[in-house]
Amino acid sequence: MAEFTVVHVVDGDTFDVSPGWQWNGAQGNRVRPTGYDAPEMHEPGGQAAKDWLTRLLLNKTVTLGKAYKLDHGRLVCDVLFQGKSLADWYAARR
């Protein structure tokens, strides 16, 4: 597991980190956490999900855990914030 700073939030379940990650010979900075699926930006609740993730993570440190795959250039992996799964944070936001 390694720590990264969230530098940009794309939507409710995608963000960019610094420094970039490396996994299985690939590298990048875009991350897609496992465990939850937020609405797309054009769907109802999409902007609210992005706003929530921005308030929670922007300029904060996250831990990237086990990686599973690359999806459209995003590293799909377990993400922890303050020792708690980001999926648990998302579930508790309501």
Protein backbone atom coordinates (compact mmCIF):
# COMPACT_ATOMS: atom_id res chain seq x y z
CA MET A 1 0.00 0.00 0.00
CA ALA A 2 1.19 3.47 -0.82
CA GLU A 3 0.01 6.97 0.02
CA PHE A 4 -0.97 9.55 -2.57
CA THR A 5 -2.47 13.05 -2.58
CA VAL A 6 -5.77 13.58 -4.39
CA VAL A 7 -5.17 16.50 -6.76
CA HIS A 8 -8.32 16.46 -8.92
CA VAL A 9 -11.80 14.94 -8.66
CA VAL A 10 -13.30 13.88 -12.00
CA ASP A 11 -16.66 12.63 -10.74
CA GLY A 12 -18.15 10.76 -7.79
CA ASP A 13 -15.97 7.69 -8.25
CA THR A 14 -12.88 8.81 -10.17
CA PHE A 15 -10.01 11.04 -9.12
CA ASP A 16 -6.38 11.86 -9.92
CA VAL A 17 -3.48 11.41 -7.52
CA SER A 18 0.07 12.64 -7.16
CA PRO A 19 2.61 11.21 -7.47
CA GLY A 20 1.44 8.86 -10.18
CA TRP A 21 0.96 5.15 -9.53
CA GLN A 22 2.71 2.21 -11.20
CA TRP A 23 1.11 -1.21 -11.58
CA ASN A 24 1.90 -4.21 -13.79
CA GLY A 25 4.12 -2.17 -16.08
CA ALA A 26 1.55 0.61 -16.47
CA GLN A 27 1.58 4.05 -14.91
CA GLY A 28 -0.85 6.90 -14.50
CA ASN A 29 -2.59 9.11 -12.01
CA ARG A 30 -6.31 8.33 -12.46
CA VAL A 31 -7.95 6.06 -9.86
CA ARG A 32 -11.32 4.28 -9.72
CA PRO A 33 -12.04 2.96 -6.19
CA THR A 34 -13.60 -0.45 -5.70
CA GLY A 35 -16.75 -1.08 -3.71
CA TYR A 36 -19.18 1.54 -4.96
CA ASP A 37 -20.50 3.09 -8.15
CA ALA A 38 -21.56 6.75 -8.12
CA PRO A 39 -23.99 8.17 -10.67
CA GLU A 40 -22.45 9.55 -13.86
CA MET A 41 -22.25 13.34 -14.15
CA HIS A 42 -25.21 13.47 -16.58
CA GLU A 43 -27.38 11.34 -14.27
CA PRO A 44 -29.41 12.55 -11.27
CA GLY A 45 -27.10 12.76 -8.25
CA GLY A 46 -23.93 12.84 -10.34
CA GLN A 47 -22.93 16.40 -9.41
CA ALA A 48 -23.79 15.79 -5.74
CA ALA A 49 -21.56 12.69 -5.70
CA LYS A 50 -18.69 14.66 -7.24
CA ASP A 51 -19.18 17.51 -4.75
CA TRP A 52 -19.16 15.04 -1.86
CA LEU A 53 -15.95 13.34 -3.06
CA THR A 54 -14.31 16.72 -3.63
CA ARG A 55 -15.11 17.88 -0.08
CA LEU A 56 -13.90 14.59 1.34
CA LEU A 57 -10.67 14.02 -0.59
CA LEU A 58 -9.34 17.00 -2.53
CA ASN A 59 -5.79 17.80 -1.37
CA LYS A 60 -5.98 14.97 1.20
CA THR A 61 -3.94 11.78 1.46
CA VAL A 62 -5.38 8.41 0.47
CA THR A 63 -3.89 4.94 0.55
CA LEU A 64 -4.12 2.85 -2.57
CA GLY A 65 -4.40 -0.83 -1.73
CA LYS A 66 -4.86 -3.94 -3.79
CA ALA A 67 -5.18 -3.19 -7.50
CA TYR A 68 -7.42 -5.31 -9.71
CA LYS A 69 -7.27 -3.96 -13.25
CA LEU A 70 -6.91 -0.99 -15.55
CA ASP A 71 -10.16 0.43 -16.90
CA HIS A 72 -10.00 3.24 -19.46
CA GLY A 73 -6.62 4.31 -18.04
CA ARG A 74 -7.87 4.25 -14.46
CA LEU A 75 -6.35 2.00 -11.82
CA VAL A 76 -9.21 0.10 -10.21
CA CYS A 77 -8.10 -0.53 -6.65
CA ASP A 78 -9.06 -0.52 -2.99
CA VAL A 79 -8.81 3.01 -1.57
CA LEU A 80 -8.54 3.93 2.09
CA PHE A 81 -9.07 7.36 3.60
CA GLN A 82 -8.26 7.85 7.28
CA GLY A 83 -7.96 4.07 7.60
CA LYS A 84 -11.49 3.41 6.27
CA SER A 85 -12.54 2.06 2.88
CA LEU A 86 -13.77 4.76 0.52
CA ALA A 87 -16.76 2.48 -0.20
CA ASP A 88 -17.67 2.67 3.50
CA TRP A 89 -17.37 6.48 3.40
CA TYR A 90 -19.68 6.54 0.38
CA ALA A 91 -22.25 4.28 2.04
CA ALA A 92 -22.26 6.44 5.19
CA ARG A 93 -22.64 9.75 3.33
CA ARG A 94 -26.42 9.57 3.17
